[in-house]
Amino acid sequence: MELDKLRKLSEKDLAKEIAKLQDKLIQLQAEVAMHKAKNFRALRSARRDLARLLTIKNEQSIIKEVNHE
């Protein structure tokens, strides 16, 4: 998903996306541990996508704090 679209998501939608990626990451890590993974890049991609989402969530909370002051 593009960053612009992700930044426009509401907090609830962002939390849902984060939860989905966390589940996917756990699944991929299990596959790697059991030597069933065929695509190791998917693990790296999922970690990076999760980091992007968490960064956007953090940005939104900082903006919210600044606007309330």
Foldseek 3Di string as FASTA:
>chain_A
DDLVVLLPDDPVVLVVVLVVLVVVLVVQVVCVVVVNDPDPVVNVVSVVVNVSSVVSVVVVVVVVVVVVD
